[in-house]
Amino acid sequence: MKRLITSVTVVVAIIATATPASTAEIKYELRPLNSGKCLDVVNGSRANGARIQQWTCSGNSQQKWYIRSTGHVSGEVYSIVSAHSGACLDLRDNNSGNGAVVQQWTCSGGYNQKWWLTWDAGMGAYRIKADVGQRCLDVTGASTANGYMQTWDCFAPGTRNQRFRLSPDSPRNAFSSHQNGRPAAAFASTATG
């Protein structure tokens, strides 16, 4: 009887910890080119309305993000989801103007939570553009100091405060190919609600 319980326990433990590589989501740090800092949920908050900032990279979960396909026909529109809170990168009050506040909010699938990721081969980084208003995720004032994110008119190529490197949580998950300007297949293909 003792041997049977031990065997069952081992089998259950193996099944519980096994995650097929094809379904494992990759967490990313989103790093503005102009500062090299990380997109961060202020104070590690889990609350709706918590602002998004660039902050010195610490490896903490409030600086990790999932990039999830929204199922858009073009294949370039994503939800950016905090690994810390499960909330989506969101434009407060659907604001489509310059200086719009970027926050986290419960994922709803709204247009204010959809982001176009476009590969800029010349800079080796992504431009992240809000579906609402078609403005770019932007480091306020092109600052290299810790501070809030906003959206602003998208500037020409070469604008480092509007270009982001997506650093995978683990080097084994790194991707290097960008086909037709689209993010690599490493991004999750499941739509968010």
N, C-alpha and C. Protein backbone atom coordinates (compact mmCIF):
# COMPACT_ATOMS: atom_id res chain seq x y z
N MET A 1 0.83 -1.19 0.00
CA MET A 1 0.00 0.00 0.00
C MET A 1 0.87 1.26 0.00
N LYS A 2 1.94 1.26 0.84
CA LYS A 2 2.83 2.41 0.93
C LYS A 2 3.52 2.65 -0.42
N ARG A 3 3.95 1.56 -1.10
CA ARG A 3 4.60 1.67 -2.40
C ARG A 3 3.64 2.26 -3.43
N LEU A 4 2.37 1.86 -3.42
CA LEU A 4 1.36 2.36 -4.34
C LEU A 4 1.15 3.86 -4.13
N ILE A 5 1.04 4.30 -2.90
CA ILE A 5 0.84 5.73 -2.61
C ILE A 5 2.05 6.53 -3.08
N THR A 6 3.25 6.03 -2.84
CA THR A 6 4.46 6.71 -3.29
C THR A 6 4.48 6.82 -4.81
N SER A 7 4.14 5.74 -5.51
CA SER A 7 4.13 5.74 -6.97
C SER A 7 3.10 6.72 -7.51
N VAL A 8 1.92 6.73 -6.94
CA VAL A 8 0.86 7.66 -7.37
C VAL A 8 1.29 9.09 -7.12
N THR A 9 1.91 9.37 -5.97
CA THR A 9 2.37 10.71 -5.64
C THR A 9 3.41 11.19 -6.65
N VAL A 10 4.35 10.34 -7.02
CA VAL A 10 5.37 10.70 -8.00
C VAL A 10 4.75 10.99 -9.35
N VAL A 11 3.83 10.15 -9.81
CA VAL A 11 3.17 10.35 -11.10
C VAL A 11 2.39 11.66 -11.10
N VAL A 12 1.64 11.94 -10.04
CA VAL A 12 0.87 13.19 -9.95
C VAL A 12 1.81 14.38 -9.96
N ALA A 13 2.93 14.31 -9.25
CA ALA A 13 3.90 15.41 -9.21
C ALA A 13 4.48 15.67 -10.59
N ILE A 14 4.79 14.62 -11.33
CA ILE A 14 5.34 14.78 -12.68
C ILE A 14 4.31 15.41 -13.61
N ILE A 15 3.08 14.95 -13.56
CA ILE A 15 2.02 15.50 -14.41
C ILE A 15 1.77 16.96 -14.06
N ALA A 16 1.74 17.29 -12.78
CA ALA A 16 1.44 18.66 -12.34
C ALA A 16 2.52 19.64 -12.76
N THR A 17 3.76 19.20 -12.86
CA THR A 17 4.84 20.13 -13.20
C THR A 17 5.18 20.14 -14.68
N ALA A 18 4.67 19.21 -15.44
CA ALA A 18 4.99 19.15 -16.87
C ALA A 18 4.18 20.18 -17.63
N THR A 19 4.87 21.04 -18.38
CA THR A 19 4.22 22.02 -19.23
C THR A 19 4.79 21.87 -20.63
N PRO A 20 3.96 21.51 -21.58
CA PRO A 20 4.47 21.37 -22.94
C PRO A 20 5.06 22.70 -23.42
N ALA A 21 6.19 22.66 -24.08
CA ALA A 21 6.87 23.87 -24.54
C ALA A 21 5.98 24.70 -25.44
N SER A 22 5.12 24.07 -26.21
CA SER A 22 4.29 24.80 -27.16
C SER A 22 3.22 25.65 -26.49
N THR A 23 2.86 25.35 -25.23
CA THR A 23 1.82 26.13 -24.57
C THR A 23 2.38 27.07 -23.51
N ALA A 24 3.67 27.00 -23.23
CA ALA A 24 4.25 27.86 -22.21
C ALA A 24 4.35 29.29 -22.74
N GLU A 25 3.83 30.23 -21.96
CA GLU A 25 3.92 31.63 -22.37
C GLU A 25 5.27 32.20 -21.98
N ILE A 26 5.77 33.06 -22.80
CA ILE A 26 7.05 33.71 -22.54
C ILE A 26 6.79 35.08 -21.95
N LYS A 27 7.51 35.40 -20.90
CA LYS A 27 7.44 36.74 -20.30
C LYS A 27 8.55 37.58 -20.91
N TYR A 28 8.25 38.86 -21.13
CA TYR A 28 9.22 39.78 -21.70
C TYR A 28 9.40 40.99 -20.80
N GLU A 29 10.61 41.54 -20.83
CA GLU A 29 10.84 42.89 -20.34
C GLU A 29 10.75 43.79 -21.56
N LEU A 30 10.01 44.88 -21.47
CA LEU A 30 9.90 45.85 -22.55
C LEU A 30 10.81 47.01 -22.19
N ARG A 31 11.84 47.23 -23.00
CA ARG A 31 12.88 48.21 -22.67
C ARG A 31 12.96 49.31 -23.72
N PRO A 32 12.65 50.56 -23.34
CA PRO A 32 12.81 51.67 -24.27
C PRO A 32 14.28 51.80 -24.68
N LEU A 33 14.53 52.01 -25.97
CA LEU A 33 15.90 52.12 -26.45
C LEU A 33 16.64 53.31 -25.85
N ASN A 34 15.92 54.41 -25.59
CA ASN A 34 16.62 55.61 -25.13
C ASN A 34 17.17 55.48 -23.72
N SER A 35 16.61 54.58 -22.90
CA SER A 35 17.05 54.48 -21.50
C SER A 35 17.55 53.09 -21.12
N GLY A 36 17.05 52.05 -21.78
CA GLY A 36 17.40 50.69 -21.40
C GLY A 36 16.71 50.23 -20.12
N LYS A 37 15.83 51.08 -19.57
CA LYS A 37 15.10 50.71 -18.35
C LYS A 37 13.98 49.75 -18.72
N CYS A 38 13.13 49.39 -17.77
CA CYS A 38 12.05 48.44 -18.01
C CYS A 38 10.68 49.08 -17.80
N LEU A 39 9.69 48.69 -18.65
CA LEU A 39 8.31 49.07 -18.36
C LEU A 39 7.92 48.39 -17.07
N ASP A 40 7.25 49.14 -16.18
CA ASP A 40 7.05 48.73 -14.80
C ASP A 40 5.69 49.23 -14.33
N VAL A 41 4.98 48.41 -13.55
CA VAL A 41 3.74 48.84 -12.90
C VAL A 41 4.15 49.57 -11.62
N VAL A 42 3.72 50.82 -11.47
CA VAL A 42 4.12 51.65 -10.33
C VAL A 42 3.87 50.93 -9.00
N ASN A 43 4.89 50.90 -8.17
CA ASN A 43 4.85 50.31 -6.83
C ASN A 43 4.42 48.85 -6.81
N GLY A 44 4.53 48.16 -7.93
CA GLY A 44 4.13 46.76 -7.98
C GLY A 44 2.66 46.55 -7.70
N SER A 45 1.85 47.56 -7.99
CA SER A 45 0.41 47.51 -7.70
C SER A 45 -0.29 46.47 -8.56
N ARG A 46 -1.36 45.93 -8.00
CA ARG A 46 -2.24 45.03 -8.76
C ARG A 46 -3.57 45.73 -9.06
N ALA A 47 -3.71 46.96 -8.65
CA ALA A 47 -4.98 47.68 -8.75
C ALA A 47 -5.21 48.22 -10.16
N ASN A 48 -6.49 48.27 -10.56
CA ASN A 48 -6.85 48.96 -11.78
C ASN A 48 -6.45 50.43 -11.64
N GLY A 49 -5.95 51.00 -12.73
CA GLY A 49 -5.57 52.41 -12.73
C GLY A 49 -4.13 52.67 -12.34
N ALA A 50 -3.40 51.64 -11.93
CA ALA A 50 -1.98 51.84 -11.59
C ALA A 50 -1.24 52.24 -12.86
N ARG A 51 -0.46 53.31 -12.77
CA ARG A 51 0.25 53.83 -13.94
C ARG A 51 1.42 52.95 -14.32
N ILE A 52 1.80 53.11 -15.57
CA ILE A 52 2.95 52.40 -16.12
C ILE A 52 4.09 53.40 -16.27
N GLN A 53 5.26 52.97 -15.89
CA GLN A 53 6.43 53.84 -15.93
C GLN A 53 7.62 53.08 -16.51
N GLN A 54 8.67 53.82 -16.83
CA GLN A 54 9.95 53.16 -17.07
C GLN A 54 10.70 53.27 -15.75
N TRP A 55 11.38 52.18 -15.39
CA TRP A 55 12.05 52.13 -14.09
C TRP A 55 13.30 51.26 -14.24
N THR A 56 14.25 51.50 -13.41
CA THR A 56 15.46 50.69 -13.42
C THR A 56 15.08 49.21 -13.34
N CYS A 57 15.62 48.41 -14.24
CA CYS A 57 15.28 46.98 -14.30
C CYS A 57 15.74 46.28 -13.03
N SER A 58 14.83 45.49 -12.46
CA SER A 58 15.12 44.78 -11.21
C SER A 58 14.88 43.27 -11.33
N GLY A 59 14.22 42.86 -12.42
CA GLY A 59 13.87 41.45 -12.58
C GLY A 59 12.59 41.07 -11.85
N ASN A 60 11.94 42.04 -11.18
CA ASN A 60 10.70 41.76 -10.45
C ASN A 60 9.55 41.52 -11.42
N SER A 61 8.51 40.83 -10.94
CA SER A 61 7.39 40.44 -11.80
C SER A 61 6.61 41.63 -12.34
N GLN A 62 6.63 42.79 -11.66
CA GLN A 62 5.89 43.95 -12.19
C GLN A 62 6.58 44.54 -13.42
N GLN A 63 7.72 43.97 -13.80
CA GLN A 63 8.43 44.39 -15.01
C GLN A 63 8.40 43.31 -16.09
N LYS A 64 7.55 42.32 -15.93
CA LYS A 64 7.42 41.23 -16.90
C LYS A 64 6.06 41.32 -17.57
N TRP A 65 6.04 41.05 -18.86
CA TRP A 65 4.82 41.21 -19.65
C TRP A 65 4.64 40.03 -20.60
N TYR A 66 3.38 39.67 -20.82
CA TYR A 66 3.03 38.70 -21.85
C TYR A 66 2.56 39.48 -23.07
N ILE A 67 2.90 39.01 -24.25
CA ILE A 67 2.45 39.61 -25.50
C ILE A 67 1.49 38.60 -26.11
N ARG A 68 0.20 38.94 -26.14
CA ARG A 68 -0.82 37.98 -26.59
C ARG A 68 -1.55 38.50 -27.83
N SER A 69 -1.67 37.64 -28.80
CA SER A 69 -2.40 37.98 -30.02
C SER A 69 -3.86 38.26 -29.70
N THR A 70 -4.41 39.25 -30.37
CA THR A 70 -5.84 39.56 -30.21
C THR A 70 -6.67 38.87 -31.28
N GLY A 71 -6.00 38.15 -32.19
CA GLY A 71 -6.72 37.47 -33.26
C GLY A 71 -7.07 38.39 -34.41
N HIS A 72 -6.49 39.59 -34.42
CA HIS A 72 -6.74 40.56 -35.50
C HIS A 72 -6.25 39.98 -36.82
N VAL A 73 -6.96 40.30 -37.88
CA VAL A 73 -6.66 39.79 -39.22
C VAL A 73 -5.21 40.04 -39.63
N SER A 74 -4.66 41.20 -39.30
CA SER A 74 -3.29 41.52 -39.72
C SER A 74 -2.25 40.71 -38.96
N GLY A 75 -2.63 40.20 -37.79
CA GLY A 75 -1.69 39.45 -36.98
C GLY A 75 -0.69 40.30 -36.22
N GLU A 76 -0.82 41.62 -36.29
CA GLU A 76 0.13 42.52 -35.64
C GLU A 76 -0.43 43.21 -34.41
N VAL A 77 -1.67 42.92 -34.02
CA VAL A 77 -2.31 43.60 -32.90
C VAL A 77 -2.31 42.68 -31.69
N TYR A 78 -1.83 43.22 -30.57
CA TYR A 78 -1.62 42.42 -29.38
C TYR A 78 -2.18 43.09 -28.13
N SER A 79 -2.43 42.27 -27.12
CA SER A 79 -2.65 42.75 -25.76
C SER A 79 -1.32 42.57 -25.05
N ILE A 80 -0.96 43.55 -24.24
CA ILE A 80 0.26 43.48 -23.44
C ILE A 80 -0.20 43.33 -22.00
N VAL A 81 0.09 42.18 -21.41
CA VAL A 81 -0.50 41.79 -20.13
C VAL A 81 0.58 41.67 -19.05
N SER A 82 0.34 42.32 -17.92
CA SER A 82 1.28 42.25 -16.81
C SER A 82 1.35 40.84 -16.24
N ALA A 83 2.54 40.28 -16.15
CA ALA A 83 2.72 38.97 -15.52
C ALA A 83 2.47 39.06 -14.03
N HIS A 84 2.58 40.25 -13.47
CA HIS A 84 2.43 40.48 -12.04
C HIS A 84 0.96 40.50 -11.62
N SER A 85 0.14 41.21 -12.39
CA SER A 85 -1.26 41.42 -11.99
C SER A 85 -2.27 40.73 -12.89
N GLY A 86 -1.86 40.37 -14.10
CA GLY A 86 -2.80 39.81 -15.07
C GLY A 86 -3.63 40.87 -15.77
N ALA A 87 -3.35 42.14 -15.49
CA ALA A 87 -4.09 43.26 -16.10
C ALA A 87 -3.41 43.68 -17.40
N CYS A 88 -4.18 44.33 -18.27
CA CYS A 88 -3.69 44.75 -19.58
C CYS A 88 -3.17 46.18 -19.57
N LEU A 89 -2.18 46.42 -20.44
CA LEU A 89 -1.73 47.77 -20.72
C LEU A 89 -2.91 48.48 -21.36
N ASP A 90 -3.26 49.67 -20.86
CA ASP A 90 -4.55 50.30 -21.14
C ASP A 90 -4.37 51.81 -21.25
N LEU A 91 -5.12 52.43 -22.16
CA LEU A 91 -5.17 53.89 -22.23
C LEU A 91 -6.34 54.37 -21.38
N ARG A 92 -6.04 55.18 -20.36
CA ARG A 92 -7.07 55.66 -19.45
C ARG A 92 -8.16 56.40 -20.22
N ASP A 93 -9.40 56.05 -19.93
CA ASP A 93 -10.60 56.70 -20.49
C ASP A 93 -10.63 56.70 -22.01
N ASN A 94 -10.00 55.71 -22.65
CA ASN A 94 -9.97 55.65 -24.12
C ASN A 94 -9.39 56.91 -24.75
N ASN A 95 -8.55 57.61 -24.02
CA ASN A 95 -7.96 58.86 -24.51
C ASN A 95 -7.12 58.58 -25.75
N SER A 96 -7.42 59.28 -26.83
CA SER A 96 -6.68 59.07 -28.07
C SER A 96 -5.71 60.20 -28.37
N GLY A 97 -5.60 61.18 -27.47
CA GLY A 97 -4.74 62.34 -27.71
C GLY A 97 -3.32 62.16 -27.23
N ASN A 98 -2.49 63.15 -27.56
CA ASN A 98 -1.13 63.17 -27.05
C ASN A 98 -1.15 63.29 -25.54
N GLY A 99 -0.22 62.63 -24.88
CA GLY A 99 -0.12 62.68 -23.43
C GLY A 99 -1.08 61.77 -22.70
N ALA A 100 -1.73 60.84 -23.40
CA ALA A 100 -2.67 59.93 -22.76
C ALA A 100 -1.96 59.09 -21.70
N VAL A 101 -2.63 58.92 -20.56
CA VAL A 101 -2.08 58.14 -19.45
C VAL A 101 -2.11 56.65 -19.81
N VAL A 102 -0.99 55.99 -19.61
CA VAL A 102 -0.90 54.54 -19.81
C VAL A 102 -0.96 53.90 -18.43
N GLN A 103 -1.88 52.97 -18.27
CA GLN A 103 -2.13 52.33 -16.98
C GLN A 103 -2.36 50.84 -17.20
N GLN A 104 -2.60 50.13 -16.10
CA GLN A 104 -3.07 48.74 -16.21
C GLN A 104 -4.53 48.71 -15.81
N TRP A 105 -5.27 47.80 -16.44
CA TRP A 105 -6.69 47.65 -16.15
C TRP A 105 -7.09 46.21 -16.47
N THR A 106 -8.12 45.73 -15.80
CA THR A 106 -8.61 44.39 -16.08
C THR A 106 -8.82 44.23 -17.58
N CYS A 107 -8.30 43.15 -18.14
CA CYS A 107 -8.40 42.92 -19.59
C CYS A 107 -9.86 42.78 -20.01
N SER A 108 -10.25 43.57 -21.01
CA SER A 108 -11.63 43.56 -21.49
C SER A 108 -11.72 43.32 -22.99
N GLY A 109 -10.58 43.39 -23.68
CA GLY A 109 -10.58 43.24 -25.13
C GLY A 109 -10.92 44.53 -25.85
N GLY A 110 -11.03 45.64 -25.11
CA GLY A 110 -11.36 46.93 -25.72
C GLY A 110 -10.22 47.46 -26.58
N TYR A 111 -10.57 48.38 -27.47
CA TYR A 111 -9.57 48.96 -28.37
C TYR A 111 -8.49 49.72 -27.61
N ASN A 112 -8.83 50.23 -26.41
CA ASN A 112 -7.83 50.94 -25.61
C ASN A 112 -6.83 49.98 -24.96
N GLN A 113 -6.98 48.69 -25.21
CA GLN A 113 -6.05 47.68 -24.70
C GLN A 113 -5.38 46.90 -25.83
N LYS A 114 -5.50 47.41 -27.04
CA LYS A 114 -4.89 46.75 -28.20
C LYS A 114 -3.74 47.60 -28.71
N TRP A 115 -2.65 46.91 -29.04
CA TRP A 115 -1.42 47.59 -29.41
C TRP A 115 -0.84 46.95 -30.67
N TRP A 116 -0.44 47.78 -31.63
CA TRP A 116 0.23 47.33 -32.84
C TRP A 116 1.72 47.26 -32.56
N LEU A 117 2.33 46.12 -32.80
CA LEU A 117 3.77 45.96 -32.66
C LEU A 117 4.37 45.85 -34.05
N THR A 118 5.19 46.82 -34.40
CA THR A 118 5.79 46.87 -35.73
C THR A 118 7.30 46.82 -35.60
N TRP A 119 7.91 45.89 -36.27
CA TRP A 119 9.36 45.72 -36.21
C TRP A 119 10.05 46.80 -37.02
N ASP A 120 11.00 47.48 -36.42
CA ASP A 120 11.82 48.50 -37.07
C ASP A 120 13.22 47.89 -37.23
N ALA A 121 13.47 47.32 -38.41
CA ALA A 121 14.73 46.61 -38.65
C ALA A 121 15.94 47.53 -38.49
N GLY A 122 15.80 48.79 -38.88
CA GLY A 122 16.91 49.74 -38.78
C GLY A 122 17.35 49.98 -37.35
N MET A 123 16.41 49.88 -36.41
CA MET A 123 16.73 50.13 -35.00
C MET A 123 16.84 48.83 -34.22
N GLY A 124 16.41 47.72 -34.82
CA GLY A 124 16.46 46.45 -34.10
C GLY A 124 15.53 46.43 -32.91
N ALA A 125 14.36 47.06 -33.08
CA ALA A 125 13.41 47.18 -31.96
C ALA A 125 12.00 47.35 -32.52
N TYR A 126 11.02 47.32 -31.62
CA TYR A 126 9.62 47.46 -31.99
C TYR A 126 9.09 48.86 -31.71
N ARG A 127 8.18 49.30 -32.57
CA ARG A 127 7.34 50.45 -32.27
C ARG A 127 6.04 49.87 -31.75
N ILE A 128 5.54 50.41 -30.64
CA ILE A 128 4.30 49.93 -30.03
C ILE A 128 3.28 51.06 -30.14
N LYS A 129 2.24 50.83 -30.95
CA LYS A 129 1.27 51.88 -31.26
C LYS A 129 -0.11 51.49 -30.76
N ALA A 130 -0.76 52.41 -30.06
CA ALA A 130 -2.11 52.17 -29.54
C ALA A 130 -3.10 52.07 -30.69
N ASP A 131 -4.03 51.13 -30.59
CA ASP A 131 -5.09 51.02 -31.59
C ASP A 131 -5.99 52.25 -31.53
N VAL A 132 -6.27 52.71 -30.31
CA VAL A 132 -7.06 53.94 -30.13
C VAL A 132 -6.14 55.13 -30.41
N GLY A 133 -6.47 55.93 -31.38
CA GLY A 133 -5.72 57.15 -31.68
C GLY A 133 -4.47 56.96 -32.50
N GLN A 134 -4.01 55.71 -32.67
CA GLN A 134 -2.83 55.41 -33.48
C GLN A 134 -1.59 56.21 -33.05
N ARG A 135 -1.46 56.44 -31.73
CA ARG A 135 -0.28 57.12 -31.20
C ARG A 135 0.65 56.08 -30.57
N CYS A 136 1.92 56.43 -30.49
CA CYS A 136 2.94 55.48 -30.03
C CYS A 136 3.16 55.54 -28.53
N LEU A 137 3.47 54.37 -27.97
CA LEU A 137 3.92 54.31 -26.59
C LEU A 137 5.22 55.09 -26.54
N ASP A 138 5.33 55.99 -25.56
CA ASP A 138 6.36 57.02 -25.59
C ASP A 138 6.89 57.26 -24.17
N VAL A 139 8.20 57.40 -24.06
CA VAL A 139 8.81 57.81 -22.79
C VAL A 139 8.64 59.32 -22.69
N THR A 140 7.92 59.79 -21.68
CA THR A 140 7.62 61.21 -21.52
C THR A 140 8.89 62.04 -21.59
N GLY A 141 8.89 63.01 -22.51
CA GLY A 141 10.01 63.93 -22.65
C GLY A 141 11.30 63.27 -23.10
N ALA A 142 11.22 62.07 -23.64
CA ALA A 142 12.41 61.31 -24.07
C ALA A 142 13.41 61.17 -22.93
N SER A 143 12.92 61.15 -21.71
CA SER A 143 13.77 61.10 -20.52
C SER A 143 14.47 59.74 -20.37
N THR A 144 15.63 59.77 -19.75
CA THR A 144 16.32 58.54 -19.39
C THR A 144 16.15 58.25 -17.90
N ALA A 145 15.47 59.14 -17.19
CA ALA A 145 15.21 58.96 -15.75
C ALA A 145 13.97 58.09 -15.55
N ASN A 146 13.80 57.57 -14.34
CA ASN A 146 12.58 56.85 -14.01
C ASN A 146 11.41 57.81 -14.19
N GLY A 147 10.31 57.36 -14.80
CA GLY A 147 9.15 58.22 -15.01
C GLY A 147 8.05 57.55 -15.81
N TYR A 148 6.92 58.26 -15.90
CA TYR A 148 5.71 57.72 -16.52
C TYR A 148 5.81 57.57 -18.03
N MET A 149 5.00 56.61 -18.51
CA MET A 149 4.83 56.40 -19.95
C MET A 149 3.57 57.13 -20.39
N GLN A 150 3.50 57.43 -21.67
CA GLN A 150 2.34 58.09 -22.27
C GLN A 150 2.24 57.63 -23.72
N THR A 151 1.23 58.12 -24.42
CA THR A 151 1.22 57.95 -25.88
C THR A 151 1.41 59.33 -26.50
N TRP A 152 2.02 59.33 -27.69
CA TRP A 152 2.33 60.58 -28.38
C TRP A 152 2.37 60.30 -29.87
N ASP A 153 2.23 61.37 -30.68
CA ASP A 153 2.35 61.19 -32.13
C ASP A 153 3.58 60.34 -32.43
N CYS A 154 3.42 59.41 -33.36
CA CYS A 154 4.54 58.56 -33.74
C CYS A 154 5.52 59.36 -34.59
N PHE A 155 6.76 59.33 -34.19
CA PHE A 155 7.79 60.06 -34.90
C PHE A 155 8.49 59.16 -35.89
N ALA A 156 9.28 59.77 -36.73
CA ALA A 156 10.00 59.06 -37.79
C ALA A 156 10.95 58.02 -37.21
N PRO A 157 11.38 57.09 -38.05
CA PRO A 157 12.38 56.11 -37.60
C PRO A 157 13.57 56.84 -36.97
N GLY A 158 14.13 56.21 -35.98
CA GLY A 158 15.27 56.81 -35.29
C GLY A 158 14.88 57.42 -33.96
N THR A 159 13.57 57.42 -33.65
CA THR A 159 13.08 57.98 -32.39
C THR A 159 13.21 56.92 -31.31
N ARG A 160 14.25 57.03 -30.51
CA ARG A 160 14.60 55.99 -29.54
C ARG A 160 13.63 55.91 -28.37
N ASN A 161 12.95 57.00 -28.02
CA ASN A 161 12.00 56.94 -26.90
C ASN A 161 10.66 56.32 -27.32
N GLN A 162 10.53 55.93 -28.58
CA GLN A 162 9.34 55.23 -29.06
C GLN A 162 9.68 53.87 -29.66
N ARG A 163 10.85 53.36 -29.37
CA ARG A 163 11.26 52.03 -29.83
C ARG A 163 11.62 51.19 -28.62
N PHE A 164 11.23 49.92 -28.67
CA PHE A 164 11.36 49.04 -27.51
C PHE A 164 11.98 47.71 -27.89
N ARG A 165 12.89 47.25 -27.07
CA ARG A 165 13.41 45.89 -27.18
C ARG A 165 12.56 45.01 -26.29
N LEU A 166 12.24 43.84 -26.76
CA LEU A 166 11.49 42.86 -25.99
C LEU A 166 12.48 41.78 -25.57
N SER A 167 12.86 41.80 -24.32
CA SER A 167 13.85 40.86 -23.81
C SER A 167 13.14 39.69 -23.15
N PRO A 168 13.30 38.47 -23.67
CA PRO A 168 12.62 37.32 -23.08
C PRO A 168 13.15 37.04 -21.68
N ASP A 169 12.26 36.52 -20.85
CA ASP A 169 12.56 36.21 -19.45
C ASP A 169 13.73 35.24 -19.33
N SER A 170 13.89 34.39 -20.31
CA SER A 170 14.94 33.38 -20.26
C SER A 170 15.62 33.33 -21.62
N PRO A 171 16.95 33.30 -21.65
CA PRO A 171 17.65 33.25 -22.94
C PRO A 171 17.23 32.07 -23.81
N ARG A 172 16.79 30.99 -23.21
CA ARG A 172 16.39 29.83 -24.01
C ARG A 172 15.13 30.13 -24.83
N ASN A 173 14.40 31.18 -24.44
CA ASN A 173 13.19 31.56 -25.16
C ASN A 173 13.44 32.67 -26.17
N ALA A 174 14.68 33.02 -26.36
CA ALA A 174 15.00 34.14 -27.25
C ALA A 174 14.55 33.85 -28.67
N PHE A 175 14.16 34.89 -29.36
CA PHE A 175 13.79 34.75 -30.76
C PHE A 175 14.63 35.72 -31.56
N SER A 176 14.82 35.42 -32.81
CA SER A 176 15.66 36.29 -33.62
C SER A 176 15.06 36.59 -34.99
N SER A 177 13.99 35.92 -35.36
CA SER A 177 13.45 36.16 -36.70
C SER A 177 12.23 37.06 -36.64
N HIS A 178 12.12 37.91 -37.62
CA HIS A 178 10.98 38.81 -37.75
C HIS A 178 10.56 38.73 -39.20
N GLN A 179 9.42 38.11 -39.44
CA GLN A 179 8.99 37.87 -40.80
C GLN A 179 7.94 38.89 -41.22
N ASN A 180 8.17 39.53 -42.34
CA ASN A 180 7.23 40.50 -42.89
C ASN A 180 6.89 41.60 -41.89
N GLY A 181 7.84 41.97 -41.05
CA GLY A 181 7.60 43.03 -40.09
C GLY A 181 6.78 42.62 -38.89
N ARG A 182 6.44 41.35 -38.81
CA ARG A 182 5.61 40.89 -37.69
C ARG A 182 6.47 40.32 -36.59
N PRO A 183 5.98 40.41 -35.35
CA PRO A 183 6.72 39.82 -34.24
C PRO A 183 6.90 38.32 -34.47
N ALA A 184 7.94 37.80 -33.86
CA ALA A 184 8.27 36.39 -34.01
C ALA A 184 7.16 35.50 -33.48
N ALA A 185 7.16 34.28 -33.94
CA ALA A 185 6.12 33.31 -33.57
C ALA A 185 6.16 32.96 -32.09
N ALA A 186 7.17 33.42 -31.37
CA ALA A 186 7.26 33.11 -29.94
C ALA A 186 6.13 33.76 -29.15
N PHE A 187 5.49 34.80 -29.70
CA PHE A 187 4.40 35.44 -28.98
C PHE A 187 3.23 34.48 -28.87
N ALA A 188 2.53 34.56 -27.77
CA ALA A 188 1.38 33.68 -27.55
C ALA A 188 0.32 33.94 -28.61
N SER A 189 -0.34 32.89 -29.03
CA SER A 189 -1.34 33.03 -30.08
C SER A 189 -2.76 32.99 -29.55
N THR A 190 -2.93 33.05 -28.24
CA THR A 190 -4.27 33.02 -27.68
C THR A 190 -4.78 34.43 -27.46
N ALA A 191 -6.01 34.67 -27.84
CA ALA A 191 -6.62 35.98 -27.65
C ALA A 191 -6.98 36.18 -26.19
N THR A 192 -6.95 37.44 -25.75
CA THR A 192 -7.35 37.76 -24.38
C THR A 192 -8.77 38.28 -24.38
N GLY A 193 -9.40 38.12 -23.26
CA GLY A 193 -10.78 38.58 -23.15
C GLY A 193 -10.92 40.01 -22.81
